[in-house]
Amino acid sequence: MVIFYWYPKCGTCRKAKKWLDENNISVQAIHIVEQPPSKEQLRTLYEKSGLDLKKFFNTSGMKYRELGLKDKLQTMTEEEMLQLLSSDGMLMKRPIITNGEQVIVGFDEQKYHEMFKLS
């Protein structure tokens, strides 16, 4: 089962969802603000993504700026970052998609093609 965490009001999320629909890829769509991934789910996504945990933060978001996270993240532990991310879906970069093995944060058409082995 492919899980797709998204925020329907986000233009990038809508673009990714449209791509998935056009390519007939069935997903379990989860509203990232109403049902943000738990700390443990995030840990799994982070570990499978191969990305720096800071890449999971929505750095262009209002909440990120309000909390002054640009500076605070430098001294936060991994546990503190996971806790913060799981507390508020608006802090997460989106969409996040996983097929159980791979994780993609954001929408990159080429990476989606690779994940779903489309030519």
PDB file of N, CA and C in Angstrom:
ATOM      1  N   MET A   1       0.844  -1.193   0.000  1.00  0.00           N
ATOM      2  CA  MET A   1       0.000   0.000   0.000  1.00  0.00           C
ATOM      3  C   MET A   1       0.882   1.248   0.000  1.00  0.00           C
ATOM      4  N   VAL A   2       0.588   2.149  -0.908  1.00  0.00           N
ATOM      5  CA  VAL A   2       1.312   3.413  -0.992  1.00  0.00           C
ATOM      6  C   VAL A   2       0.603   4.431  -0.106  1.00  0.00           C
ATOM      7  N   ILE A   3       1.362   5.047   0.788  1.00  0.00           N
ATOM      8  CA  ILE A   3       0.798   6.063   1.679  1.00  0.00           C
ATOM      9  C   ILE A   3       1.277   7.428   1.214  1.00  0.00           C
ATOM     10  N   PHE A   4       0.330   8.347   1.116  1.00  0.00           N
ATOM     11  CA  PHE A   4       0.571   9.687   0.592  1.00  0.00           C
ATOM     12  C   PHE A   4       0.080  10.700   1.626  1.00  0.00           C
ATOM     13  N   TYR A   5       1.029  11.295   2.353  1.00  0.00           N
ATOM     14  CA  TYR A   5       0.683  12.349   3.311  1.00  0.00           C
ATOM     15  C   TYR A   5       0.640  13.660   2.547  1.00  0.00           C
ATOM     16  N   TRP A   6      -0.497  14.345   2.646  1.00  0.00           N
ATOM     17  CA  TRP A   6      -0.627  15.589   1.889  1.00  0.00           C
ATOM     18  C   TRP A   6      -1.503  16.585   2.614  1.00  0.00           C
ATOM     19  N   TYR A   7      -1.450  17.824   2.131  1.00  0.00           N
ATOM     20  CA  TYR A   7      -2.289  18.914   2.619  1.00  0.00           C
ATOM     21  C   TYR A   7      -3.031  19.423   1.390  1.00  0.00           C
ATOM     22  N   PRO A   8      -4.343  19.158   1.293  1.00  0.00           N
ATOM     23  CA  PRO A   8      -5.090  19.481   0.070  1.00  0.00           C
ATOM     24  C   PRO A   8      -5.013  20.943  -0.400  1.00  0.00           C
ATOM     25  N   LYS A   9      -4.723  21.875   0.496  1.00  0.00           N
ATOM     26  CA  LYS A   9      -4.637  23.282   0.087  1.00  0.00           C
ATOM     27  C   LYS A   9      -3.264  23.642  -0.480  1.00  0.00           C
ATOM     28  N   CYS A  10      -2.324  22.724  -0.407  1.00  0.00           N
ATOM     29  CA  CYS A  10      -0.952  22.953  -0.880  1.00  0.00           C
ATOM     30  C   CYS A  10      -0.871  22.687  -2.380  1.00  0.00           C
ATOM     31  N   GLY A  11      -0.385  23.650  -3.131  1.00  0.00           N
ATOM     32  CA  GLY A  11      -0.277  23.515  -4.579  1.00  0.00           C
ATOM     33  C   GLY A  11       0.615  22.363  -5.006  1.00  0.00           C
ATOM     34  N   THR A  12       1.738  22.174  -4.331  1.00  0.00           N
ATOM     35  CA  THR A  12       2.648  21.079  -4.666  1.00  0.00           C
ATOM     36  C   THR A  12       1.980  19.737  -4.402  1.00  0.00           C
ATOM     37  N   CYS A  13       1.232  19.648  -3.307  1.00  0.00           N
ATOM     38  CA  CYS A  13       0.514  18.405  -2.989  1.00  0.00           C
ATOM     39  C   CYS A  13      -0.534  18.097  -4.047  1.00  0.00           C
ATOM     40  N   ARG A  14      -1.257  19.124  -4.475  1.00  0.00           N
ATOM     41  CA  ARG A  14      -2.285  18.914  -5.500  1.00  0.00           C
ATOM     42  C   ARG A  14      -1.645  18.467  -6.814  1.00  0.00           C
ATOM     43  N   LYS A  15      -0.492  19.042  -7.134  1.00  0.00           N
ATOM     44  CA  LYS A  15       0.221  18.670  -8.347  1.00  0.00           C
ATOM     45  C   LYS A  15       0.659  17.198  -8.270  1.00  0.00           C
ATOM     46  N   ALA A  16       1.166  16.790  -7.114  1.00  0.00           N
ATOM     47  CA  ALA A  16       1.587  15.396  -6.927  1.00  0.00           C
ATOM     48  C   ALA A  16       0.387  14.454  -7.012  1.00  0.00           C
ATOM     49  N   LYS A  17      -0.719  14.836  -6.393  1.00  0.00           N
ATOM     50  CA  LYS A  17      -1.936  14.004  -6.402  1.00  0.00           C
ATOM     51  C   LYS A  17      -2.457  13.857  -7.829  1.00  0.00           C
ATOM     52  N   LYS A  18      -2.416  14.937  -8.588  1.00  0.00           N
ATOM     53  CA  LYS A  18      -2.850  14.892  -9.985  1.00  0.00           C
ATOM     54  C   LYS A  18      -1.962  13.928 -10.779  1.00  0.00           C
ATOM     55  N   TRP A  19      -0.655  13.995 -10.548  1.00  0.00           N
ATOM     56  CA  TRP A  19       0.284  13.103 -11.231  1.00  0.00           C
ATOM     57  C   TRP A  19      -0.042  11.649 -10.891  1.00  0.00           C
ATOM     58  N   LEU A  20      -0.275  11.370  -9.615  1.00  0.00           N
ATOM     59  CA  LEU A  20      -0.612  10.010  -9.178  1.00  0.00           C
ATOM     60  C   LEU A  20      -1.897   9.534  -9.854  1.00  0.00           C
ATOM     61  N   ASP A  21      -2.914  10.400  -9.879  1.00  0.00           N
ATOM     62  CA  ASP A  21      -4.193  10.051 -10.511  1.00  0.00           C
ATOM     63  C   ASP A  21      -4.019   9.788 -12.009  1.00  0.00           C
ATOM     64  N   GLU A  22      -3.262  10.669 -12.670  1.00  0.00           N
ATOM     65  CA  GLU A  22      -3.057  10.515 -14.119  1.00  0.00           C
ATOM     66  C   GLU A  22      -2.295   9.236 -14.454  1.00  0.00           C
ATOM     67  N   ASN A  23      -1.474   8.765 -13.518  1.00  0.00           N
ATOM     68  CA  ASN A  23      -0.697   7.553 -13.741  1.00  0.00           C
ATOM     69  C   ASN A  23      -1.349   6.320 -13.101  1.00  0.00           C
ATOM     70  N   ASN A  24      -2.617   6.493 -12.714  1.00  0.00           N
ATOM     71  CA  ASN A  24      -3.406   5.384 -12.147  1.00  0.00           C
ATOM     72  C   ASN A  24      -2.714   4.694 -10.973  1.00  0.00           C
ATOM     73  N   ILE A  25      -2.115   5.503 -10.103  1.00  0.00           N
ATOM     74  CA  ILE A  25      -1.451   4.955  -8.918  1.00  0.00           C
ATOM     75  C   ILE A  25      -2.372   5.163  -7.725  1.00  0.00           C
ATOM     76  N   SER A  26      -2.770   4.056  -7.159  1.00  0.00           N
ATOM     77  CA  SER A  26      -3.680   4.063  -6.030  1.00  0.00           C
ATOM     78  C   SER A  26      -2.888   4.325  -4.749  1.00  0.00           C
ATOM     79  N   VAL A  27      -3.369   5.280  -3.948  1.00  0.00           N
ATOM     80  CA  VAL A  27      -2.688   5.630  -2.700  1.00  0.00           C
ATOM     81  C   VAL A  27      -3.697   5.727  -1.567  1.00  0.00           C
ATOM     82  N   GLN A  28      -3.186   5.569  -0.372  1.00  0.00           N
ATOM     83  CA  GLN A  28      -3.977   5.885   0.815  1.00  0.00           C
ATOM     84  C   GLN A  28      -3.585   7.322   1.151  1.00  0.00           C
ATOM     85  N   ALA A  29      -4.466   8.266   0.841  1.00  0.00           N
ATOM     86  CA  ALA A  29      -4.181   9.681   1.079  1.00  0.00           C
ATOM     87  C   ALA A  29      -4.520  10.038   2.521  1.00  0.00           C
ATOM     88  N   ILE A  30      -3.544  10.623   3.216  1.00  0.00           N
ATOM     89  CA  ILE A  30      -3.729  11.010   4.607  1.00  0.00           C
ATOM     90  C   ILE A  30      -3.470  12.504   4.731  1.00  0.00           C
ATOM     91  N   HIS A  31      -4.435  13.206   5.305  1.00  0.00           N
ATOM     92  CA  HIS A  31      -4.332  14.654   5.520  1.00  0.00           C
ATOM     93  C   HIS A  31      -3.258  14.889   6.586  1.00  0.00           C
ATOM     94  N   ILE A  32      -2.140  15.475   6.192  1.00  0.00           N
ATOM     95  CA  ILE A  32      -0.981  15.602   7.065  1.00  0.00           C
ATOM     96  C   ILE A  32      -1.212  16.516   8.276  1.00  0.00           C
ATOM     97  N   VAL A  33      -2.188  17.417   8.188  1.00  0.00           N
ATOM     98  CA  VAL A  33      -2.472  18.316   9.311  1.00  0.00           C
ATOM     99  C   VAL A  33      -3.467  17.662  10.272  1.00  0.00           C
ATOM    100  N   GLU A  34      -4.491  17.023   9.713  1.00  0.00           N
ATOM    101  CA  GLU A  34      -5.498  16.372  10.553  1.00  0.00           C
ATOM    102  C   GLU A  34      -4.978  15.078  11.174  1.00  0.00           C
ATOM    103  N   GLN A  35      -4.108  14.377  10.463  1.00  0.00           N
ATOM    104  CA  GLN A  35      -3.555  13.106  10.949  1.00  0.00           C
ATOM    105  C   GLN A  35      -2.056  13.044  10.699  1.00  0.00           C
ATOM    106  N   PRO A  36      -1.282  13.893  11.390  1.00  0.00           N
ATOM    107  CA  PRO A  36       0.160  13.864  11.143  1.00  0.00           C
ATOM    108  C   PRO A  36       0.762  12.527  11.570  1.00  0.00           C
ATOM    109  N   PRO A  37       1.832  12.098  10.904  1.00  0.00           N
ATOM    110  CA  PRO A  37       2.470  10.848  11.304  1.00  0.00           C
ATOM    111  C   PRO A  37       2.966  10.954  12.749  1.00  0.00           C
ATOM    112  N   SER A  38       2.906   9.841  13.459  1.00  0.00           N
ATOM    113  CA  SER A  38       3.402   9.809  14.838  1.00  0.00           C
ATOM    114  C   SER A  38       4.924   9.943  14.824  1.00  0.00           C
ATOM    115  N   LYS A  39       5.472  10.134  15.993  1.00  0.00           N
ATOM    116  CA  LYS A  39       6.928  10.244  16.119  1.00  0.00           C
ATOM    117  C   LYS A  39       7.598   8.977  15.568  1.00  0.00           C
ATOM    118  N   GLU A  40       7.049   7.816  15.899  1.00  0.00           N
ATOM    119  CA  GLU A  40       7.645   6.561  15.425  1.00  0.00           C
ATOM    120  C   GLU A  40       7.466   6.377  13.919  1.00  0.00           C
ATOM    121  N   GLN A  41       6.302   6.770  13.393  1.00  0.00           N
ATOM    122  CA  GLN A  41       6.099   6.701  11.942  1.00  0.00           C
ATOM    123  C   GLN A  41       7.087   7.628  11.240  1.00  0.00           C
ATOM    124  N   LEU A  42       7.281   8.809  11.810  1.00  0.00           N
ATOM    125  CA  LEU A  42       8.235   9.758  11.227  1.00  0.00           C
ATOM    126  C   LEU A  42       9.654   9.208  11.269  1.00  0.00           C
ATOM    127  N   ARG A  43      10.001   8.574  12.380  1.00  0.00           N
ATOM    128  CA  ARG A  43      11.341   7.994  12.497  1.00  0.00           C
ATOM    129  C   ARG A  43      11.564   6.990  11.359  1.00  0.00           C
ATOM    130  N   THR A  44      10.563   6.140  11.098  1.00  0.00           N
ATOM    131  CA  THR A  44      10.665   5.149  10.026  1.00  0.00           C
ATOM    132  C   THR A  44      10.790   5.828   8.665  1.00  0.00           C
ATOM    133  N   LEU A  45       9.953   6.834   8.424  1.00  0.00           N
ATOM    134  CA  LEU A  45      10.016   7.566   7.153  1.00  0.00           C
ATOM    135  C   LEU A  45      11.391   8.202   6.970  1.00  0.00           C
ATOM    136  N   TYR A  46      11.870   8.828   8.017  1.00  0.00           N
ATOM    137  CA  TYR A  46      13.179   9.493   7.991  1.00  0.00           C
ATOM    138  C   TYR A  46      14.287   8.475   7.694  1.00  0.00           C
ATOM    139  N   GLU A  47      14.288   7.362   8.398  1.00  0.00           N
ATOM    140  CA  GLU A  47      15.335   6.360   8.209  1.00  0.00           C
ATOM    141  C   GLU A  47      15.315   5.773   6.797  1.00  0.00           C
ATOM    142  N   LYS A  48      14.123   5.552   6.249  1.00  0.00           N
ATOM    143  CA  LYS A  48      14.021   4.976   4.906  1.00  0.00           C
ATOM    144  C   LYS A  48      14.315   6.001   3.803  1.00  0.00           C
ATOM    145  N   SER A  49      14.175   7.285   4.136  1.00  0.00           N
ATOM    146  CA  SER A  49      14.362   8.325   3.120  1.00  0.00           C
ATOM    147  C   SER A  49      15.825   8.548   2.755  1.00  0.00           C
ATOM    148  N   GLY A  50      16.728   8.307   3.713  1.00  0.00           N
ATOM    149  CA  GLY A  50      18.141   8.603   3.474  1.00  0.00           C
ATOM    150  C   GLY A  50      18.450  10.092   3.524  1.00  0.00           C
ATOM    151  N   LEU A  51      17.461  10.894   3.911  1.00  0.00           N
ATOM    152  CA  LEU A  51      17.631  12.347   3.966  1.00  0.00           C
ATOM    153  C   LEU A  51      18.039  12.811   5.360  1.00  0.00           C
ATOM    154  N   ASP A  52      18.589  14.007   5.418  1.00  0.00           N
ATOM    155  CA  ASP A  52      18.828  14.672   6.693  1.00  0.00           C
ATOM    156  C   ASP A  52      17.453  14.990   7.275  1.00  0.00           C
ATOM    157  N   LEU A  53      17.276  14.813   8.568  1.00  0.00           N
ATOM    158  CA  LEU A  53      15.975  15.057   9.194  1.00  0.00           C
ATOM    159  C   LEU A  53      15.487  16.485   8.977  1.00  0.00           C
ATOM    160  N   LYS A  54      16.405  17.423   8.843  1.00  0.00           N
ATOM    161  CA  LYS A  54      16.031  18.825   8.609  1.00  0.00           C
ATOM    162  C   LYS A  54      15.268  18.995   7.298  1.00  0.00           C
ATOM    163  N   LYS A  55      15.447  18.053   6.366  1.00  0.00           N
ATOM    164  CA  LYS A  55      14.744  18.111   5.073  1.00  0.00           C
ATOM    165  C   LYS A  55      13.249  17.827   5.223  1.00  0.00           C
ATOM    166  N   PHE A  56      12.834  17.341   6.384  1.00  0.00           N
ATOM    167  CA  PHE A  56      11.415  17.077   6.627  1.00  0.00           C
ATOM    168  C   PHE A  56      10.674  18.329   7.097  1.00  0.00           C
ATOM    169  N   PHE A  57      11.407  19.398   7.367  1.00  0.00           N
ATOM    170  CA  PHE A  57      10.769  20.633   7.823  1.00  0.00           C
ATOM    171  C   PHE A  57      10.349  21.497   6.648  1.00  0.00           C
ATOM    172  N   ASN A  58       9.156  22.069   6.751  1.00  0.00           N
ATOM    173  CA  ASN A  58       8.628  22.993   5.749  1.00  0.00           C
ATOM    174  C   ASN A  58       9.241  24.367   6.025  1.00  0.00           C
ATOM    175  N   THR A  59      10.428  24.588   5.483  1.00  0.00           N
ATOM    176  CA  THR A  59      11.179  25.812   5.783  1.00  0.00           C
ATOM    177  C   THR A  59      10.526  27.076   5.240  1.00  0.00           C
ATOM    178  N   SER A  60       9.593  26.933   4.316  1.00  0.00           N
ATOM    179  CA  SER A  60       8.915  28.124   3.793  1.00  0.00           C
ATOM    180  C   SER A  60       7.595  28.386   4.516  1.00  0.00           C
ATOM    181  N   GLY A  61       7.276  27.546   5.484  1.00  0.00           N
ATOM    182  CA  GLY A  61       6.012  27.689   6.204  1.00  0.00           C
ATOM    183  C   GLY A  61       6.032  28.795   7.253  1.00  0.00           C
ATOM    184  N   MET A  62       4.863  29.350   7.488  1.00  0.00           N
ATOM    185  CA  MET A  62       4.710  30.421   8.463  1.00  0.00           C
ATOM    186  C   MET A  62       5.074  29.948   9.875  1.00  0.00           C
ATOM    187  N   LYS A  63       4.640  28.751  10.217  1.00  0.00           N
ATOM    188  CA  LYS A  63       4.882  28.199  11.546  1.00  0.00           C
ATOM    189  C   LYS A  63       6.387  28.035  11.793  1.00  0.00           C
ATOM    190  N   TYR A  64       7.112  27.583  10.792  1.00  0.00           N
ATOM    191  CA  TYR A  64       8.559  27.399  10.868  1.00  0.00           C
ATOM    192  C   TYR A  64       9.225  28.734  11.210  1.00  0.00           C
ATOM    193  N   ARG A  65       8.781  29.774  10.521  1.00  0.00           N
ATOM    194  CA  ARG A  65       9.356  31.108  10.753  1.00  0.00           C
ATOM    195  C   ARG A  65       8.932  31.661  12.106  1.00  0.00           C
ATOM    196  N   GLU A  66       7.651  31.477  12.465  1.00  0.00           N
ATOM    197  CA  GLU A  66       7.154  31.975  13.752  1.00  0.00           C
ATOM    198  C   GLU A  66       7.937  31.386  14.923  1.00  0.00           C
ATOM    199  N   LEU A  67       8.280  30.106  14.815  1.00  0.00           N
ATOM    200  CA  LEU A  67       8.992  29.427  15.895  1.00  0.00           C
ATOM    201  C   LEU A  67      10.503  29.641  15.845  1.00  0.00           C
ATOM    202  N   GLY A  68      10.975  30.350  14.817  1.00  0.00           N
ATOM    203  CA  GLY A  68      12.408  30.619  14.688  1.00  0.00           C
ATOM    204  C   GLY A  68      13.230  29.345  14.551  1.00  0.00           C
ATOM    205  N   LEU A  69      12.704  28.381  13.813  1.00  0.00           N
ATOM    206  CA  LEU A  69      13.355  27.075  13.742  1.00  0.00           C
ATOM    207  C   LEU A  69      14.654  27.053  12.963  1.00  0.00           C
ATOM    208  N   LYS A  70      14.852  28.013  12.094  1.00  0.00           N
ATOM    209  CA  LYS A  70      16.094  28.034  11.311  1.00  0.00           C
ATOM    210  C   LYS A  70      17.297  27.961  12.251  1.00  0.00           C
ATOM    211  N   ASP A  71      17.267  28.738  13.312  1.00  0.00           N
ATOM    212  CA  ASP A  71      18.373  28.747  14.272  1.00  0.00           C
ATOM    213  C   ASP A  71      18.261  27.620  15.293  1.00  0.00           C
ATOM    214  N   LYS A  72      17.045  27.321  15.737  1.00  0.00           N
ATOM    215  CA  LYS A  72      16.846  26.320  16.793  1.00  0.00           C
ATOM    216  C   LYS A  72      17.210  24.904  16.341  1.00  0.00           C
ATOM    217  N   LEU A  73      16.981  24.585  15.064  1.00  0.00           N
ATOM    218  CA  LEU A  73      17.259  23.229  14.575  1.00  0.00           C
ATOM    219  C   LEU A  73      18.734  22.860  14.706  1.00  0.00           C
ATOM    220  N   GLN A  74      19.600  23.870  14.662  1.00  0.00           N
ATOM    221  CA  GLN A  74      21.048  23.617  14.721  1.00  0.00           C
ATOM    222  C   GLN A  74      21.453  22.922  16.023  1.00  0.00           C
ATOM    223  N   THR A  75      20.703  23.200  17.103  1.00  0.00           N
ATOM    224  CA  THR A  75      21.076  22.645  18.405  1.00  0.00           C
ATOM    225  C   THR A  75      20.102  21.575  18.911  1.00  0.00           C
ATOM    226  N   MET A  76      19.064  21.285  18.152  1.00  0.00           N
ATOM    227  CA  MET A  76      18.083  20.286  18.578  1.00  0.00           C
ATOM    228  C   MET A  76      18.592  18.872  18.315  1.00  0.00           C
ATOM    229  N   THR A  77      18.208  17.954  19.201  1.00  0.00           N
ATOM    230  CA  THR A  77      18.547  16.551  18.989  1.00  0.00           C
ATOM    231  C   THR A  77      17.566  15.954  17.983  1.00  0.00           C
ATOM    232  N   GLU A  78      17.903  14.779  17.482  1.00  0.00           N
ATOM    233  CA  GLU A  78      17.009  14.066  16.563  1.00  0.00           C
ATOM    234  C   GLU A  78      15.661  13.813  17.238  1.00  0.00           C
ATOM    235  N   GLU A  79      15.688  13.400  18.497  1.00  0.00           N
ATOM    236  CA  GLU A  79      14.445  13.131  19.237  1.00  0.00           C
ATOM    237  C   GLU A  79      13.584  14.386  19.338  1.00  0.00           C
ATOM    238  N   GLU A  80      14.203  15.517  19.632  1.00  0.00           N
ATOM    239  CA  GLU A  80      13.459  16.782  19.744  1.00  0.00           C
ATOM    240  C   GLU A  80      12.846  17.172  18.404  1.00  0.00           C
ATOM    241  N   MET A  81      13.597  16.966  17.323  1.00  0.00           N
ATOM    242  CA  MET A  81      13.069  17.297  15.992  1.00  0.00           C
ATOM    243  C   MET A  81      11.893  16.394  15.636  1.00  0.00           C
ATOM    244  N   LEU A  82      12.027  15.092  15.905  1.00  0.00           N
ATOM    245  CA  LEU A  82      10.937  14.159  15.609  1.00  0.00           C
ATOM    246  C   LEU A  82       9.693  14.504  16.423  1.00  0.00           C
ATOM    247  N   GLN A  83       9.890  14.856  17.685  1.00  0.00           N
ATOM    248  CA  GLN A  83       8.769  15.219  18.550  1.00  0.00           C
ATOM    249  C   GLN A  83       8.068  16.463  18.005  1.00  0.00           C
ATOM    250  N   LEU A  84       8.849  17.462  17.630  1.00  0.00           N
ATOM    251  CA  LEU A  84       8.296  18.711  17.103  1.00  0.00           C
ATOM    252  C   LEU A  84       7.535  18.463  15.799  1.00  0.00           C
ATOM    253  N   LEU A  85       8.135  17.727  14.879  1.00  0.00           N
ATOM    254  CA  LEU A  85       7.479  17.423  13.610  1.00  0.00           C
ATOM    255  C   LEU A  85       6.165  16.684  13.816  1.00  0.00           C
ATOM    256  N   SER A  86       6.155  15.708  14.713  1.00  0.00           N
ATOM    257  CA  SER A  86       4.948  14.912  14.921  1.00  0.00           C
ATOM    258  C   SER A  86       3.854  15.694  15.635  1.00  0.00           C
ATOM    259  N   SER A  87       4.214  16.819  16.231  1.00  0.00           N
ATOM    260  CA  SER A  87       3.237  17.615  16.965  1.00  0.00           C
ATOM    261  C   SER A  87       2.397  18.521  16.072  1.00  0.00           C
ATOM    262  N   ASP A  88       2.864  18.768  14.833  1.00  0.00           N
ATOM    263  CA  ASP A  88       2.171  19.718  13.970  1.00  0.00           C
ATOM    264  C   ASP A  88       2.480  19.442  12.501  1.00  0.00           C
ATOM    265  N   GLY A  89       1.472  18.948  11.770  1.00  0.00           N
ATOM    266  CA  GLY A  89       1.645  18.636  10.356  1.00  0.00           C
ATOM    267  C   GLY A  89       2.040  19.823   9.497  1.00  0.00           C
ATOM    268  N   MET A  90       1.748  21.043   9.963  1.00  0.00           N
ATOM    269  CA  MET A  90       2.114  22.225   9.180  1.00  0.00           C
ATOM    270  C   MET A  90       3.629  22.464   9.191  1.00  0.00           C
ATOM    271  N   LEU A  91       4.336  21.825  10.092  1.00  0.00           N
ATOM    272  CA  LEU A  91       5.789  21.977  10.137  1.00  0.00           C
ATOM    273  C   LEU A  91       6.494  21.071   9.125  1.00  0.00           C
ATOM    274  N   MET A  92       5.767  20.099   8.577  1.00  0.00           N
ATOM    275  CA  MET A  92       6.381  19.125   7.679  1.00  0.00           C
ATOM    276  C   MET A  92       6.350  19.548   6.230  1.00  0.00           C
ATOM    277  N   LYS A  93       7.466  19.296   5.562  1.00  0.00           N
ATOM    278  CA  LYS A  93       7.512  19.484   4.110  1.00  0.00           C
ATOM    279  C   LYS A  93       6.582  18.432   3.518  1.00  0.00           C
ATOM    280  N   ARG A  94       5.873  18.808   2.519  1.00  0.00           N
ATOM    281  CA  ARG A  94       4.896  17.899   1.932  1.00  0.00           C
ATOM    282  C   ARG A  94       4.873  18.031   0.414  1.00  0.00           C
ATOM    283  N   PRO A  95       4.336  17.019  -0.228  1.00  0.00           N
ATOM    284  CA  PRO A  95       3.819  15.767   0.312  1.00  0.00           C
ATOM    285  C   PRO A  95       4.951  14.825   0.709  1.00  0.00           C
ATOM    286  N   ILE A  96       4.581  13.793   1.467  1.00  0.00           N
ATOM    287  CA  ILE A  96       5.489  12.696   1.789  1.00  0.00           C
ATOM    288  C   ILE A  96       4.805  11.442   1.265  1.00  0.00           C
ATOM    289  N   ILE A  97       5.540  10.674   0.468  1.00  0.00           N
ATOM    290  CA  ILE A  97       4.971   9.448  -0.095  1.00  0.00           C
ATOM    291  C   ILE A  97       5.907   8.288   0.200  1.00  0.00           C
ATOM    292  N   THR A  98       5.317   7.137   0.525  1.00  0.00           N
ATOM    293  CA  THR A  98       6.124   5.947   0.758  1.00  0.00           C
ATOM    294  C   THR A  98       5.418   4.716   0.207  1.00  0.00           C
ATOM    295  N   ASN A  99       6.228   3.831  -0.330  1.00  0.00           N
ATOM    296  CA  ASN A  99       5.710   2.547  -0.798  1.00  0.00           C
ATOM    297  C   ASN A  99       6.105   1.443   0.182  1.00  0.00           C
ATOM    298  N   GLY A 100       6.571   1.840   1.355  1.00  0.00           N
ATOM    299  CA  GLY A 100       6.991   0.887   2.367  1.00  0.00           C
ATOM    300  C   GLY A 100       8.491   0.659   2.381  1.00  0.00           C
ATOM    301  N   GLU A 101       9.122   0.898   1.245  1.00  0.00           N
ATOM    302  CA  GLU A 101      10.572   0.733   1.134  1.00  0.00           C
ATOM    303  C   GLU A 101      11.261   2.071   0.905  1.00  0.00           C
ATOM    304  N   GLN A 102      10.681   2.857   0.009  1.00  0.00           N
ATOM    305  CA  GLN A 102      11.255   4.162  -0.337  1.00  0.00           C
ATOM    306  C   GLN A 102      10.365   5.275   0.201  1.00  0.00           C
ATOM    307  N   VAL A 103      10.978   6.435   0.412  1.00  0.00           N
ATOM    308  CA  VAL A 103      10.250   7.616   0.879  1.00  0.00           C
ATOM    309  C   VAL A 103      10.711   8.801   0.051  1.00  0.00           C
ATOM    310  N   ILE A 104       9.745   9.587  -0.417  1.00  0.00           N
ATOM    311  CA  ILE A 104      10.065  10.826  -1.135  1.00  0.00           C
ATOM    312  C   ILE A 104       9.381  11.967  -0.390  1.00  0.00           C
ATOM    313  N   VAL A 105      10.158  13.006  -0.115  1.00  0.00           N
ATOM    314  CA  VAL A 105       9.632  14.204   0.548  1.00  0.00           C
ATOM    315  C   VAL A 105       9.581  15.303  -0.502  1.00  0.00           C
ATOM    316  N   GLY A 106       8.408  15.920  -0.664  1.00  0.00           N
ATOM    317  CA  GLY A 106       8.223  16.911  -1.723  1.00  0.00           C
ATOM    318  C   GLY A 106       7.797  16.189  -2.997  1.00  0.00           C
ATOM    319  N   PHE A 107       7.586  16.945  -4.062  1.00  0.00           N
ATOM    320  CA  PHE A 107       7.185  16.337  -5.325  1.00  0.00           C
ATOM    321  C   PHE A 107       8.263  16.558  -6.362  1.00  0.00           C
ATOM    322  N   ASP A 108       8.818  15.456  -6.830  1.00  0.00           N
ATOM    323  CA  ASP A 108       9.806  15.467  -7.898  1.00  0.00           C
ATOM    324  C   ASP A 108       9.346  14.400  -8.882  1.00  0.00           C
ATOM    325  N   GLU A 109       8.871  14.854 -10.026  1.00  0.00           N
ATOM    326  CA  GLU A 109       8.276  13.934 -11.002  1.00  0.00           C
ATOM    327  C   GLU A 109       9.221  12.794 -11.363  1.00  0.00           C
ATOM    328  N   GLN A 110      10.500  13.097 -11.530  1.00  0.00           N
ATOM    329  CA  GLN A 110      11.473  12.060 -11.887  1.00  0.00           C
ATOM    330  C   GLN A 110      11.583  11.001 -10.785  1.00  0.00           C
ATOM    331  N   LYS A 111      11.607  11.441  -9.536  1.00  0.00           N
ATOM    332  CA  LYS A 111      11.694  10.490  -8.415  1.00  0.00           C
ATOM    333  C   LYS A 111      10.423   9.653  -8.317  1.00  0.00           C
ATOM    334  N   TYR A 112       9.278  10.256  -8.611  1.00  0.00           N
ATOM    335  CA  TYR A 112       8.020   9.504  -8.608  1.00  0.00           C
ATOM    336  C   TYR A 112       8.055   8.446  -9.710  1.00  0.00           C
ATOM    337  N   HIS A 113       8.559   8.822 -10.895  1.00  0.00           N
ATOM    338  CA  HIS A 113       8.688   7.870 -12.003  1.00  0.00           C
ATOM    339  C   HIS A 113       9.540   6.683 -11.575  1.00  0.00           C
ATOM    340  N   GLU A 114      10.660   6.991 -10.895  1.00  0.00           N
ATOM    341  CA  GLU A 114      11.570   5.930 -10.452  1.00  0.00           C
ATOM    342  C   GLU A 114      10.918   5.040  -9.402  1.00  0.00           C
ATOM    343  N   MET A 115      10.207   5.655  -8.442  1.00  0.00           N
ATOM    344  CA  MET A 115       9.557   4.871  -7.388  1.00  0.00           C
ATOM    345  C   MET A 115       8.547   3.885  -7.969  1.00  0.00           C
ATOM    346  N   PHE A 116       7.806   4.347  -8.966  1.00  0.00           N
ATOM    347  CA  PHE A 116       6.749   3.513  -9.539  1.00  0.00           C
ATOM    348  C   PHE A 116       7.169   2.828 -10.829  1.00  0.00           C
ATOM    349  N   LYS A 117       8.457   2.917 -11.131  1.00  0.00           N
ATOM    350  CA  LYS A 117       9.054   2.241 -12.296  1.00  0.00           C
ATOM    351  C   LYS A 117       8.296   2.528 -13.593  1.00  0.00           C
ATOM    352  N   LEU A 118       8.040   3.809 -13.800  1.00  0.00           N
ATOM    353  CA  LEU A 118       7.388   4.237 -15.049  1.00  0.00           C
ATOM    354  C   LEU A 118       8.457   4.731 -16.004  1.00  0.00           C
ATOM    355  N   SER A 119       8.242   4.555 -17.297  1.00  0.00           N
ATOM    356  CA  SER A 119       9.255   4.974 -18.283  1.00  0.00           C
ATOM    357  C   SER A 119       9.115   6.439 -18.622  1.00  0.00           C
TER     358      SER A 119
END
